[in-house]
Amino acid sequence: MKYLIPLSTLFIGLSAQAVQTTARPFSFEFYAPTNELNFDVTLEQWCRYEIPVWSDSAEYKTKHQSTPLREKRTKLGNGLTRFTYSLNSTKSLEQTGFFKSGKECTSGVRIIVESAKYALGWAGQYSRPIEFKFLDEMYAFKEYDTTFDAQSDKNIRLFSDNEISFEYKTSSGGNQVNVTILSNGKRMRSSFPQGVLKNPKTNMPYKLK
């Protein structure tokens, strides 16, 4: 019986070893031409733990929580719309349990930018909008409790207070339109142009169906 108490104490200690990531309310805003673009903005939170394997490589089990940010659109008088995105309540994700050390968590903002007018077009994809994804490169996991810092988030810094737009360039004699996402008129960092199918009647991408 005397051996059971230390053993149970050990398991309780293992169970109590947890790590979490927390995001408190925040907001940010940017601008885009009215009726030209749509945005999907979410807070992404991930936790993972390392599982024992008989090899030199690591394997992880993960848990995930995605929270859409509240969107507010305000039409301005200069042909632009102001987009404001807000997290209105605190969101946390925790990792705990009986397993090997290596528990890690992280939070970040994912932003997907879609054309409200034009389609990808290739392979009959006329109902799929042109889009650019900003995923924070799956973030930086930490082995200790963290609080999300909106002012330091890479994607928020890319978009905040900037005017976002698409530029369309038709290749001479080709069947595609090269689309670039711009921030204040310049190609946005961390993005590359993409080619979409050209409508020969308009020399622009096909309209969304």
N, C-alpha and C. Protein backbone atom coordinates (compact mmCIF):
# COMPACT_ATOMS: atom_id res chain seq x y z
N MET A 1 0.83 -1.22 0.00
CA MET A 1 0.00 0.00 0.00
C MET A 1 0.85 1.25 0.00
N LYS A 2 2.01 1.15 0.69
CA LYS A 2 2.86 2.34 0.78
C LYS A 2 3.42 2.75 -0.57
N TYR A 3 3.41 1.80 -1.56
CA TYR A 3 3.93 2.14 -2.87
C TYR A 3 2.90 2.83 -3.75
N LEU A 4 1.63 2.76 -3.36
CA LEU A 4 0.58 3.34 -4.19
C LEU A 4 0.54 4.85 -4.10
N ILE A 5 0.85 5.40 -2.94
CA ILE A 5 0.76 6.85 -2.78
C ILE A 5 1.76 7.59 -3.65
N PRO A 6 3.06 7.22 -3.65
CA PRO A 6 3.98 7.92 -4.55
C PRO A 6 3.62 7.75 -6.01
N LEU A 7 3.11 6.55 -6.39
CA LEU A 7 2.75 6.32 -7.78
C LEU A 7 1.59 7.21 -8.20
N SER A 8 0.56 7.29 -7.35
CA SER A 8 -0.58 8.15 -7.68
C SER A 8 -0.17 9.60 -7.72
N THR A 9 0.74 9.99 -6.83
CA THR A 9 1.23 11.36 -6.84
C THR A 9 1.94 11.68 -8.15
N LEU A 10 2.69 10.68 -8.67
CA LEU A 10 3.39 10.86 -9.94
C LEU A 10 2.40 11.11 -11.08
N PHE A 11 1.32 10.31 -11.14
CA PHE A 11 0.34 10.46 -12.21
C PHE A 11 -0.40 11.79 -12.11
N ILE A 12 -0.70 12.22 -10.87
CA ILE A 12 -1.35 13.52 -10.70
C ILE A 12 -0.44 14.63 -11.20
N GLY A 13 0.87 14.51 -10.90
CA GLY A 13 1.81 15.52 -11.38
C GLY A 13 1.88 15.56 -12.88
N LEU A 14 1.86 14.39 -13.54
CA LEU A 14 1.89 14.34 -14.99
C LEU A 14 0.64 14.99 -15.57
N SER A 15 -0.51 14.70 -14.98
CA SER A 15 -1.77 15.24 -15.48
C SER A 15 -1.82 16.75 -15.33
N ALA A 16 -1.19 17.26 -14.28
CA ALA A 16 -1.27 18.69 -14.02
C ALA A 16 -0.35 19.50 -14.91
N GLN A 17 0.59 18.84 -15.59
CA GLN A 17 1.51 19.56 -16.46
C GLN A 17 0.80 19.93 -17.75
N ALA A 18 0.39 21.17 -17.86
CA ALA A 18 -0.37 21.61 -19.03
C ALA A 18 0.25 22.88 -19.58
N VAL A 19 -0.07 23.16 -20.84
CA VAL A 19 0.35 24.40 -21.47
C VAL A 19 -0.85 24.93 -22.24
N GLN A 20 -1.00 26.25 -22.30
CA GLN A 20 -2.15 26.82 -23.00
C GLN A 20 -1.76 28.09 -23.75
N THR A 21 -2.60 28.43 -24.72
CA THR A 21 -2.45 29.67 -25.46
C THR A 21 -3.76 30.45 -25.33
N THR A 22 -3.65 31.76 -25.13
CA THR A 22 -4.81 32.60 -24.87
C THR A 22 -4.79 33.83 -25.77
N ALA A 23 -5.94 34.15 -26.32
CA ALA A 23 -6.09 35.39 -27.10
C ALA A 23 -7.19 36.23 -26.45
N ARG A 24 -6.83 37.43 -26.08
CA ARG A 24 -7.78 38.36 -25.48
C ARG A 24 -8.36 39.27 -26.57
N PRO A 25 -9.49 39.94 -26.30
CA PRO A 25 -10.14 40.77 -27.34
C PRO A 25 -9.18 41.75 -28.01
N PHE A 26 -9.32 41.85 -29.33
CA PHE A 26 -8.53 42.78 -30.12
C PHE A 26 -9.31 43.10 -31.39
N SER A 27 -8.87 44.11 -32.13
CA SER A 27 -9.47 44.44 -33.41
C SER A 27 -8.42 45.08 -34.30
N PHE A 28 -8.64 45.02 -35.60
CA PHE A 28 -7.81 45.73 -36.56
C PHE A 28 -8.64 46.01 -37.80
N GLU A 29 -8.18 46.91 -38.65
CA GLU A 29 -8.97 47.29 -39.82
C GLU A 29 -8.07 47.58 -41.01
N PHE A 30 -8.68 47.47 -42.18
CA PHE A 30 -7.99 47.80 -43.43
C PHE A 30 -9.05 48.21 -44.45
N TYR A 31 -8.64 48.50 -45.68
CA TYR A 31 -9.54 49.06 -46.69
C TYR A 31 -9.43 48.25 -47.98
N ALA A 32 -10.52 48.26 -48.77
CA ALA A 32 -10.53 47.60 -50.07
C ALA A 32 -11.57 48.28 -50.95
N PRO A 33 -11.39 48.22 -52.29
CA PRO A 33 -12.40 48.79 -53.19
C PRO A 33 -13.76 48.16 -52.93
N THR A 34 -14.80 48.97 -52.86
CA THR A 34 -16.15 48.50 -52.54
C THR A 34 -16.61 47.47 -53.55
N ASN A 35 -17.14 46.36 -53.05
CA ASN A 35 -17.72 45.27 -53.85
C ASN A 35 -16.70 44.52 -54.70
N GLU A 36 -15.41 44.67 -54.40
CA GLU A 36 -14.39 43.98 -55.20
C GLU A 36 -13.85 42.73 -54.51
N LEU A 37 -13.70 42.77 -53.18
CA LEU A 37 -13.04 41.69 -52.46
C LEU A 37 -13.87 41.25 -51.27
N ASN A 38 -13.71 39.97 -50.91
CA ASN A 38 -14.24 39.41 -49.67
C ASN A 38 -13.10 38.86 -48.84
N PHE A 39 -13.30 38.80 -47.53
CA PHE A 39 -12.25 38.36 -46.62
C PHE A 39 -12.80 37.33 -45.64
N ASP A 40 -11.99 36.33 -45.36
CA ASP A 40 -12.30 35.32 -44.34
C ASP A 40 -11.18 35.42 -43.30
N VAL A 41 -11.49 35.93 -42.12
CA VAL A 41 -10.48 36.19 -41.10
C VAL A 41 -10.82 35.40 -39.84
N THR A 42 -9.89 34.57 -39.39
CA THR A 42 -10.14 33.72 -38.23
C THR A 42 -8.93 33.71 -37.30
N LEU A 43 -9.21 33.50 -36.03
CA LEU A 43 -8.17 33.22 -35.05
C LEU A 43 -7.97 31.71 -35.03
N GLU A 44 -6.75 31.28 -35.27
CA GLU A 44 -6.42 29.85 -35.29
C GLU A 44 -5.56 29.53 -34.06
N GLN A 45 -5.99 28.55 -33.28
CA GLN A 45 -5.24 28.12 -32.10
C GLN A 45 -4.98 26.62 -32.19
N TRP A 46 -3.72 26.26 -31.94
CA TRP A 46 -3.30 24.87 -32.05
C TRP A 46 -2.54 24.47 -30.79
N CYS A 47 -2.73 23.25 -30.36
CA CYS A 47 -1.89 22.63 -29.33
C CYS A 47 -1.49 21.24 -29.82
N ARG A 48 -0.36 20.77 -29.35
CA ARG A 48 0.09 19.43 -29.73
C ARG A 48 0.95 18.85 -28.61
N TYR A 49 1.09 17.53 -28.64
CA TYR A 49 2.01 16.88 -27.72
C TYR A 49 2.74 15.77 -28.46
N GLU A 50 3.96 15.54 -28.00
CA GLU A 50 4.79 14.52 -28.62
C GLU A 50 4.43 13.16 -28.05
N ILE A 51 4.28 12.16 -28.92
CA ILE A 51 3.97 10.80 -28.49
C ILE A 51 5.22 9.93 -28.61
N PRO A 52 5.37 8.94 -27.73
CA PRO A 52 6.56 8.08 -27.79
C PRO A 52 6.56 7.24 -29.06
N VAL A 53 7.69 7.22 -29.75
CA VAL A 53 7.87 6.37 -30.93
C VAL A 53 9.25 5.74 -30.85
N TRP A 54 9.36 4.56 -31.46
CA TRP A 54 10.65 3.85 -31.46
C TRP A 54 11.47 4.28 -32.67
N SER A 55 11.84 5.56 -32.68
CA SER A 55 12.67 6.09 -33.76
C SER A 55 13.26 7.41 -33.30
N ASP A 56 14.10 7.97 -34.12
CA ASP A 56 14.73 9.25 -33.79
C ASP A 56 13.83 10.43 -34.15
N SER A 57 12.82 10.22 -34.96
CA SER A 57 11.93 11.32 -35.37
C SER A 57 10.80 11.50 -34.35
N ALA A 58 10.19 12.68 -34.37
CA ALA A 58 9.11 13.00 -33.43
C ALA A 58 7.76 12.85 -34.13
N GLU A 59 6.76 12.39 -33.37
CA GLU A 59 5.38 12.35 -33.84
C GLU A 59 4.50 13.10 -32.86
N TYR A 60 3.48 13.79 -33.39
CA TYR A 60 2.65 14.65 -32.54
C TYR A 60 1.17 14.36 -32.76
N LYS A 61 0.40 14.51 -31.69
CA LYS A 61 -1.05 14.57 -31.75
C LYS A 61 -1.45 16.02 -31.55
N THR A 62 -2.40 16.50 -32.33
CA THR A 62 -2.75 17.92 -32.28
C THR A 62 -4.23 18.12 -31.98
N LYS A 63 -4.55 19.28 -31.42
CA LYS A 63 -5.93 19.74 -31.28
C LYS A 63 -5.99 21.16 -31.80
N HIS A 64 -7.17 21.55 -32.29
CA HIS A 64 -7.28 22.79 -33.04
C HIS A 64 -8.60 23.48 -32.71
N GLN A 65 -8.53 24.82 -32.66
CA GLN A 65 -9.73 25.63 -32.43
C GLN A 65 -9.69 26.83 -33.37
N SER A 66 -10.75 27.00 -34.15
CA SER A 66 -10.84 28.10 -35.11
C SER A 66 -12.01 29.01 -34.74
N THR A 67 -11.74 30.32 -34.61
CA THR A 67 -12.76 31.28 -34.20
C THR A 67 -12.88 32.39 -35.26
N PRO A 68 -13.99 32.47 -35.98
CA PRO A 68 -14.16 33.57 -36.94
C PRO A 68 -14.19 34.91 -36.22
N LEU A 69 -13.48 35.89 -36.75
CA LEU A 69 -13.53 37.23 -36.18
C LEU A 69 -14.78 37.95 -36.69
N ARG A 70 -15.34 38.81 -35.86
CA ARG A 70 -16.53 39.56 -36.24
C ARG A 70 -16.16 40.61 -37.29
N GLU A 71 -16.94 40.65 -38.37
CA GLU A 71 -16.66 41.59 -39.46
C GLU A 71 -17.64 42.77 -39.44
N LYS A 72 -17.12 43.96 -39.65
CA LYS A 72 -17.94 45.15 -39.83
C LYS A 72 -17.46 45.88 -41.07
N ARG A 73 -18.38 46.17 -41.99
CA ARG A 73 -18.04 46.89 -43.22
C ARG A 73 -18.64 48.30 -43.16
N THR A 74 -17.81 49.28 -43.50
CA THR A 74 -18.25 50.67 -43.53
C THR A 74 -17.88 51.27 -44.88
N LYS A 75 -18.89 51.61 -45.68
CA LYS A 75 -18.62 52.22 -46.97
C LYS A 75 -18.21 53.67 -46.79
N LEU A 76 -17.11 54.02 -47.41
CA LEU A 76 -16.60 55.38 -47.35
C LEU A 76 -16.98 56.14 -48.62
N GLY A 77 -16.71 57.41 -48.66
CA GLY A 77 -17.14 58.22 -49.80
C GLY A 77 -16.19 58.26 -50.96
N ASN A 78 -15.11 57.48 -50.91
CA ASN A 78 -14.10 57.53 -51.96
C ASN A 78 -13.99 56.23 -52.74
N GLY A 79 -15.04 55.43 -52.74
CA GLY A 79 -15.02 54.16 -53.46
C GLY A 79 -14.41 53.02 -52.68
N LEU A 80 -14.06 53.27 -51.41
CA LEU A 80 -13.47 52.24 -50.58
C LEU A 80 -14.43 51.81 -49.47
N THR A 81 -14.23 50.61 -48.99
CA THR A 81 -14.93 50.10 -47.82
C THR A 81 -13.90 49.80 -46.73
N ARG A 82 -14.20 50.22 -45.51
CA ARG A 82 -13.34 49.89 -44.38
C ARG A 82 -13.83 48.59 -43.76
N PHE A 83 -12.92 47.64 -43.62
CA PHE A 83 -13.21 46.34 -43.01
C PHE A 83 -12.60 46.33 -41.62
N THR A 84 -13.43 46.09 -40.61
CA THR A 84 -12.96 45.99 -39.23
C THR A 84 -13.22 44.57 -38.73
N TYR A 85 -12.18 43.93 -38.18
CA TYR A 85 -12.30 42.57 -37.67
C TYR A 85 -11.96 42.56 -36.19
N SER A 86 -12.82 41.89 -35.41
CA SER A 86 -12.70 41.94 -33.96
C SER A 86 -12.88 40.56 -33.34
N LEU A 87 -12.08 40.30 -32.30
CA LEU A 87 -12.32 39.19 -31.38
C LEU A 87 -12.92 39.79 -30.13
N ASN A 88 -14.16 39.43 -29.83
CA ASN A 88 -14.91 40.12 -28.77
C ASN A 88 -14.87 39.42 -27.41
N SER A 89 -14.32 38.22 -27.35
CA SER A 89 -14.22 37.52 -26.06
C SER A 89 -12.93 36.72 -26.03
N THR A 90 -12.44 36.44 -24.84
CA THR A 90 -11.19 35.72 -24.67
C THR A 90 -11.35 34.26 -25.12
N LYS A 91 -10.37 33.78 -25.89
CA LYS A 91 -10.37 32.40 -26.37
C LYS A 91 -9.08 31.72 -25.93
N SER A 92 -9.22 30.53 -25.34
CA SER A 92 -8.05 29.79 -24.88
C SER A 92 -8.11 28.35 -25.37
N LEU A 93 -6.94 27.75 -25.52
CA LEU A 93 -6.83 26.33 -25.85
C LEU A 93 -5.72 25.76 -24.99
N GLU A 94 -5.98 24.60 -24.38
CA GLU A 94 -5.05 24.00 -23.42
C GLU A 94 -4.72 22.58 -23.82
N GLN A 95 -3.48 22.19 -23.56
CA GLN A 95 -3.06 20.80 -23.78
C GLN A 95 -2.58 20.21 -22.46
N THR A 96 -3.18 19.08 -22.08
CA THR A 96 -2.78 18.38 -20.85
C THR A 96 -3.00 16.90 -21.05
N GLY A 97 -2.65 16.09 -20.05
CA GLY A 97 -2.88 14.65 -20.14
C GLY A 97 -1.67 13.85 -19.70
N PHE A 98 -1.81 12.50 -19.73
CA PHE A 98 -0.73 11.59 -19.36
C PHE A 98 0.06 11.22 -20.60
N PHE A 99 1.13 11.90 -20.85
CA PHE A 99 1.95 11.57 -21.99
C PHE A 99 3.32 12.20 -21.84
N LYS A 100 4.17 11.86 -22.77
CA LYS A 100 5.54 12.34 -22.79
C LYS A 100 5.57 13.86 -22.82
N SER A 101 6.65 14.43 -22.28
CA SER A 101 6.80 15.89 -22.35
C SER A 101 6.91 16.33 -23.80
N GLY A 102 6.66 17.58 -24.06
CA GLY A 102 6.67 18.10 -25.43
C GLY A 102 5.36 18.74 -25.79
N LYS A 103 4.62 19.19 -24.77
CA LYS A 103 3.36 19.88 -25.02
C LYS A 103 3.65 21.29 -25.50
N GLU A 104 2.95 21.72 -26.57
CA GLU A 104 3.18 23.04 -27.16
C GLU A 104 1.86 23.62 -27.66
N CYS A 105 1.74 24.94 -27.64
CA CYS A 105 0.55 25.62 -28.16
C CYS A 105 0.95 26.88 -28.90
N THR A 106 0.02 27.41 -29.69
CA THR A 106 0.27 28.66 -30.41
C THR A 106 -1.06 29.25 -30.90
N SER A 107 -1.04 30.55 -31.16
CA SER A 107 -2.20 31.24 -31.73
C SER A 107 -1.73 32.12 -32.88
N GLY A 108 -2.59 32.33 -33.88
CA GLY A 108 -2.28 33.22 -34.98
C GLY A 108 -3.53 33.57 -35.75
N VAL A 109 -3.46 34.58 -36.60
CA VAL A 109 -4.60 35.00 -37.42
C VAL A 109 -4.39 34.54 -38.85
N ARG A 110 -5.41 33.89 -39.39
CA ARG A 110 -5.42 33.46 -40.79
C ARG A 110 -6.30 34.42 -41.59
N ILE A 111 -5.82 34.86 -42.76
CA ILE A 111 -6.59 35.76 -43.61
C ILE A 111 -6.65 35.19 -45.02
N ILE A 112 -7.85 35.01 -45.54
CA ILE A 112 -8.04 34.58 -46.92
C ILE A 112 -8.74 35.71 -47.67
N VAL A 113 -8.15 36.11 -48.79
CA VAL A 113 -8.69 37.20 -49.61
C VAL A 113 -9.25 36.61 -50.89
N GLU A 114 -10.51 36.91 -51.19
CA GLU A 114 -11.17 36.37 -52.38
C GLU A 114 -11.72 37.49 -53.25
N SER A 115 -11.66 37.28 -54.56
CA SER A 115 -12.32 38.20 -55.47
C SER A 115 -13.83 38.03 -55.34
N ALA A 116 -14.55 39.14 -55.30
CA ALA A 116 -16.02 39.09 -55.26
C ALA A 116 -16.62 39.05 -56.66
N LYS A 117 -15.75 39.11 -57.70
CA LYS A 117 -16.25 39.22 -59.08
C LYS A 117 -15.75 38.13 -60.00
N TYR A 118 -14.50 37.67 -59.81
CA TYR A 118 -13.86 36.85 -60.82
C TYR A 118 -13.51 35.46 -60.30
N ALA A 119 -13.52 34.51 -61.26
CA ALA A 119 -13.31 33.09 -60.95
C ALA A 119 -11.93 32.63 -61.37
N LEU A 120 -11.50 31.52 -60.74
CA LEU A 120 -10.25 30.88 -61.13
C LEU A 120 -10.32 30.39 -62.57
N GLY A 121 -11.41 29.75 -62.94
CA GLY A 121 -11.66 29.41 -64.34
C GLY A 121 -11.11 28.09 -64.80
N TRP A 122 -9.90 27.76 -64.43
CA TRP A 122 -9.29 26.52 -64.93
C TRP A 122 -10.15 25.31 -64.59
N ALA A 123 -10.18 24.33 -65.51
CA ALA A 123 -10.91 23.07 -65.31
C ALA A 123 -12.38 23.31 -64.95
N GLY A 124 -12.95 24.36 -65.52
CA GLY A 124 -14.37 24.65 -65.30
C GLY A 124 -14.70 25.20 -63.94
N GLN A 125 -13.72 25.74 -63.24
CA GLN A 125 -13.95 26.25 -61.89
C GLN A 125 -14.44 27.71 -61.94
N TYR A 126 -15.65 27.88 -62.48
CA TYR A 126 -16.21 29.23 -62.63
C TYR A 126 -16.96 29.69 -61.37
N SER A 127 -17.17 28.81 -60.43
CA SER A 127 -17.80 29.21 -59.17
C SER A 127 -16.78 29.30 -58.03
N ARG A 128 -15.51 29.11 -58.35
CA ARG A 128 -14.45 29.21 -57.33
C ARG A 128 -13.72 30.55 -57.51
N PRO A 129 -13.78 31.42 -56.52
CA PRO A 129 -13.18 32.74 -56.68
C PRO A 129 -11.65 32.70 -56.67
N ILE A 130 -11.05 33.68 -57.29
CA ILE A 130 -9.60 33.89 -57.14
C ILE A 130 -9.33 34.20 -55.67
N GLU A 131 -8.31 33.59 -55.11
CA GLU A 131 -8.04 33.82 -53.69
C GLU A 131 -6.56 33.78 -53.38
N PHE A 132 -6.21 34.48 -52.31
CA PHE A 132 -4.86 34.45 -51.76
C PHE A 132 -4.99 34.11 -50.28
N LYS A 133 -4.11 33.22 -49.80
CA LYS A 133 -4.18 32.77 -48.41
C LYS A 133 -2.95 33.22 -47.64
N PHE A 134 -3.20 33.70 -46.43
CA PHE A 134 -2.13 34.09 -45.53
C PHE A 134 -2.33 33.30 -44.24
N LEU A 135 -1.47 32.30 -44.03
CA LEU A 135 -1.70 31.30 -42.98
C LEU A 135 -0.70 31.37 -41.83
N ASP A 136 0.14 32.38 -41.78
CA ASP A 136 1.11 32.53 -40.69
C ASP A 136 2.11 31.37 -40.63
N GLU A 137 2.29 30.68 -41.75
CA GLU A 137 3.28 29.61 -41.84
C GLU A 137 3.15 28.59 -40.70
N MET A 138 1.93 28.33 -40.30
CA MET A 138 1.58 27.37 -39.24
C MET A 138 2.15 27.74 -37.88
N TYR A 139 2.64 28.97 -37.76
CA TYR A 139 2.91 29.55 -36.45
C TYR A 139 4.14 28.94 -35.76
N ALA A 140 4.47 29.50 -34.61
CA ALA A 140 5.63 29.06 -33.82
C ALA A 140 5.12 28.51 -32.50
N PHE A 141 5.20 27.19 -32.34
CA PHE A 141 4.74 26.55 -31.10
C PHE A 141 5.66 26.89 -29.95
N LYS A 142 5.07 27.04 -28.74
CA LYS A 142 5.83 27.34 -27.53
C LYS A 142 5.50 26.29 -26.47
N GLU A 143 6.50 25.93 -25.67
CA GLU A 143 6.32 24.94 -24.61
C GLU A 143 5.93 25.59 -23.29
N TYR A 144 5.42 26.79 -23.33
CA TYR A 144 4.99 27.49 -22.13
C TYR A 144 3.73 28.28 -22.46
N ASP A 145 3.03 28.74 -21.43
CA ASP A 145 1.80 29.49 -21.64
C ASP A 145 2.08 30.79 -22.41
N THR A 146 1.24 31.06 -23.41
CA THR A 146 1.44 32.25 -24.22
C THR A 146 0.15 33.05 -24.33
N THR A 147 0.30 34.35 -24.54
CA THR A 147 -0.82 35.25 -24.81
C THR A 147 -0.62 35.86 -26.18
N PHE A 148 -1.62 35.72 -27.04
CA PHE A 148 -1.53 36.22 -28.40
C PHE A 148 -1.36 37.73 -28.41
N ASP A 149 -0.37 38.21 -29.18
CA ASP A 149 -0.08 39.63 -29.31
C ASP A 149 -0.48 40.07 -30.71
N ALA A 150 -1.63 40.73 -30.82
CA ALA A 150 -2.14 41.14 -32.13
C ALA A 150 -1.19 42.11 -32.83
N GLN A 151 -0.51 42.96 -32.08
CA GLN A 151 0.37 43.96 -32.69
C GLN A 151 1.60 43.32 -33.32
N SER A 152 1.94 42.10 -32.90
CA SER A 152 3.12 41.43 -33.44
C SER A 152 2.77 40.38 -34.50
N ASP A 153 1.49 40.08 -34.66
CA ASP A 153 1.09 39.04 -35.61
C ASP A 153 1.45 39.46 -37.04
N LYS A 154 2.11 38.56 -37.76
CA LYS A 154 2.61 38.88 -39.09
C LYS A 154 1.49 39.27 -40.05
N ASN A 155 0.40 38.53 -40.05
CA ASN A 155 -0.68 38.81 -40.99
C ASN A 155 -1.42 40.10 -40.66
N ILE A 156 -1.65 40.36 -39.38
CA ILE A 156 -2.29 41.62 -39.01
C ILE A 156 -1.43 42.80 -39.43
N ARG A 157 -0.13 42.67 -39.26
CA ARG A 157 0.76 43.76 -39.65
C ARG A 157 0.77 43.96 -41.16
N LEU A 158 0.60 42.88 -41.93
CA LEU A 158 0.54 43.00 -43.38
C LEU A 158 -0.68 43.79 -43.85
N PHE A 159 -1.80 43.62 -43.14
CA PHE A 159 -3.06 44.19 -43.59
C PHE A 159 -3.44 45.48 -42.88
N SER A 160 -3.11 45.62 -41.62
CA SER A 160 -3.65 46.70 -40.79
C SER A 160 -3.40 48.08 -41.38
N ASP A 161 -4.50 48.85 -41.52
CA ASP A 161 -4.49 50.24 -41.97
C ASP A 161 -4.06 50.42 -43.42
N ASN A 162 -3.98 49.32 -44.18
CA ASN A 162 -3.57 49.40 -45.58
C ASN A 162 -4.75 49.22 -46.52
N GLU A 163 -4.58 49.66 -47.77
CA GLU A 163 -5.59 49.46 -48.81
C GLU A 163 -5.21 48.22 -49.61
N ILE A 164 -6.10 47.23 -49.63
CA ILE A 164 -5.84 45.95 -50.28
C ILE A 164 -6.60 45.91 -51.61
N SER A 165 -5.93 45.48 -52.66
CA SER A 165 -6.59 45.42 -53.98
C SER A 165 -5.94 44.33 -54.82
N PHE A 166 -6.60 44.00 -55.95
CA PHE A 166 -6.05 43.06 -56.92
C PHE A 166 -5.64 43.83 -58.17
N GLU A 167 -4.55 43.38 -58.78
CA GLU A 167 -4.11 43.91 -60.07
C GLU A 167 -4.20 42.80 -61.10
N TYR A 168 -4.77 43.11 -62.27
CA TYR A 168 -4.97 42.11 -63.32
C TYR A 168 -4.14 42.50 -64.54
N LYS A 169 -3.26 41.59 -64.98
CA LYS A 169 -2.45 41.83 -66.17
C LYS A 169 -2.62 40.66 -67.14
N THR A 170 -2.95 40.99 -68.40
CA THR A 170 -3.17 39.97 -69.41
C THR A 170 -1.89 39.72 -70.17
N SER A 171 -1.51 38.45 -70.26
CA SER A 171 -0.32 38.10 -71.03
C SER A 171 -0.63 38.17 -72.52
N SER A 172 0.28 38.72 -73.28
CA SER A 172 0.07 38.91 -74.71
C SER A 172 -0.02 37.57 -75.42
N GLY A 173 -1.15 37.34 -76.08
CA GLY A 173 -1.33 36.11 -76.86
C GLY A 173 -1.59 34.88 -76.03
N GLY A 174 -1.63 35.00 -74.72
CA GLY A 174 -1.83 33.84 -73.86
C GLY A 174 -3.29 33.65 -73.50
N ASN A 175 -3.54 32.60 -72.68
CA ASN A 175 -4.91 32.30 -72.27
C ASN A 175 -5.11 32.52 -70.78
N GLN A 176 -4.24 33.33 -70.17
CA GLN A 176 -4.40 33.55 -68.74
C GLN A 176 -4.22 35.02 -68.38
N VAL A 177 -4.76 35.36 -67.21
CA VAL A 177 -4.59 36.68 -66.61
C VAL A 177 -3.77 36.49 -65.34
N ASN A 178 -2.72 37.28 -65.19
CA ASN A 178 -1.90 37.21 -63.99
C ASN A 178 -2.46 38.17 -62.94
N VAL A 179 -2.77 37.64 -61.77
CA VAL A 179 -3.41 38.41 -60.70
C VAL A 179 -2.41 38.58 -59.55
N THR A 180 -2.26 39.81 -59.09
CA THR A 180 -1.36 40.12 -57.98
C THR A 180 -2.16 40.82 -56.89
N ILE A 181 -1.91 40.47 -55.64
CA ILE A 181 -2.55 41.18 -54.53
C ILE A 181 -1.63 42.32 -54.11
N LEU A 182 -2.23 43.50 -53.97
CA LEU A 182 -1.48 44.72 -53.67
C LEU A 182 -1.84 45.28 -52.30
N SER A 183 -0.88 45.90 -51.68
CA SER A 183 -1.09 46.66 -50.44
C SER A 183 -0.60 48.08 -50.71
N ASN A 184 -1.53 49.03 -50.68
CA ASN A 184 -1.21 50.43 -51.00
C ASN A 184 -0.52 50.54 -52.36
N GLY A 185 -0.99 49.73 -53.32
CA GLY A 185 -0.50 49.82 -54.69
C GLY A 185 0.76 49.04 -54.98
N LYS A 186 1.32 48.35 -54.00
CA LYS A 186 2.54 47.57 -54.21
C LYS A 186 2.28 46.11 -53.87
N ARG A 187 3.01 45.21 -54.58
CA ARG A 187 2.81 43.78 -54.32
C ARG A 187 3.03 43.47 -52.86
N MET A 188 2.08 42.75 -52.30
CA MET A 188 2.16 42.43 -50.88
C MET A 188 3.26 41.41 -50.63
N ARG A 189 4.03 41.64 -49.59
CA ARG A 189 5.05 40.68 -49.19
C ARG A 189 4.40 39.34 -48.87
N SER A 190 5.16 38.28 -49.03
CA SER A 190 4.70 36.92 -48.73
C SER A 190 3.65 36.42 -49.72
N SER A 191 3.55 37.05 -50.89
CA SER A 191 2.58 36.60 -51.88
C SER A 191 3.23 36.60 -53.26
N PHE A 192 2.67 35.78 -54.15
CA PHE A 192 3.16 35.68 -55.51
C PHE A 192 1.98 35.76 -56.48
N PRO A 193 2.17 36.34 -57.68
CA PRO A 193 1.08 36.40 -58.65
C PRO A 193 0.60 34.99 -59.01
N GLN A 194 -0.66 34.88 -59.38
CA GLN A 194 -1.18 33.61 -59.85
C GLN A 194 -1.91 33.80 -61.16
N GLY A 195 -1.83 32.78 -62.01
CA GLY A 195 -2.48 32.85 -63.32
C GLY A 195 -3.85 32.22 -63.29
N VAL A 196 -4.84 32.94 -63.83
CA VAL A 196 -6.21 32.42 -63.92
C VAL A 196 -6.64 32.45 -65.39
N LEU A 197 -7.68 31.70 -65.70
CA LEU A 197 -8.13 31.57 -67.08
C LEU A 197 -8.71 32.88 -67.60
N LYS A 198 -8.30 33.27 -68.80
CA LYS A 198 -8.75 34.53 -69.42
C LYS A 198 -10.01 34.30 -70.26
N ASN A 199 -10.94 35.19 -70.12
CA ASN A 199 -12.11 35.24 -71.00
C ASN A 199 -11.70 36.02 -72.25
N PRO A 200 -11.62 35.37 -73.41
CA PRO A 200 -11.14 36.07 -74.61
C PRO A 200 -12.03 37.22 -75.05
N LYS A 201 -13.29 37.24 -74.59
CA LYS A 201 -14.20 38.32 -74.98
C LYS A 201 -13.91 39.61 -74.21
N THR A 202 -13.34 39.49 -73.02
CA THR A 202 -13.12 40.67 -72.18
C THR A 202 -11.65 40.91 -71.85
N ASN A 203 -10.77 39.90 -72.12
CA ASN A 203 -9.36 39.94 -71.71
C ASN A 203 -9.21 40.08 -70.19
N MET A 204 -10.21 39.64 -69.46
CA MET A 204 -10.20 39.62 -68.00
C MET A 204 -10.56 38.21 -67.55
N PRO A 205 -10.44 37.90 -66.26
CA PRO A 205 -10.90 36.59 -65.80
C PRO A 205 -12.40 36.43 -66.03
N TYR A 206 -12.86 35.17 -66.00
CA TYR A 206 -14.29 34.91 -66.13
C TYR A 206 -15.02 35.38 -64.87
N LYS A 207 -16.23 35.86 -65.07
CA LYS A 207 -17.05 36.27 -63.93
C LYS A 207 -17.47 35.06 -63.10
N LEU A 208 -17.61 35.27 -61.81
CA LEU A 208 -18.08 34.21 -60.93
C LEU A 208 -19.51 33.80 -61.27
N LYS A 209 -19.79 32.53 -61.19
CA LYS A 209 -21.16 32.04 -61.40
C LYS A 209 -21.76 31.62 -60.06
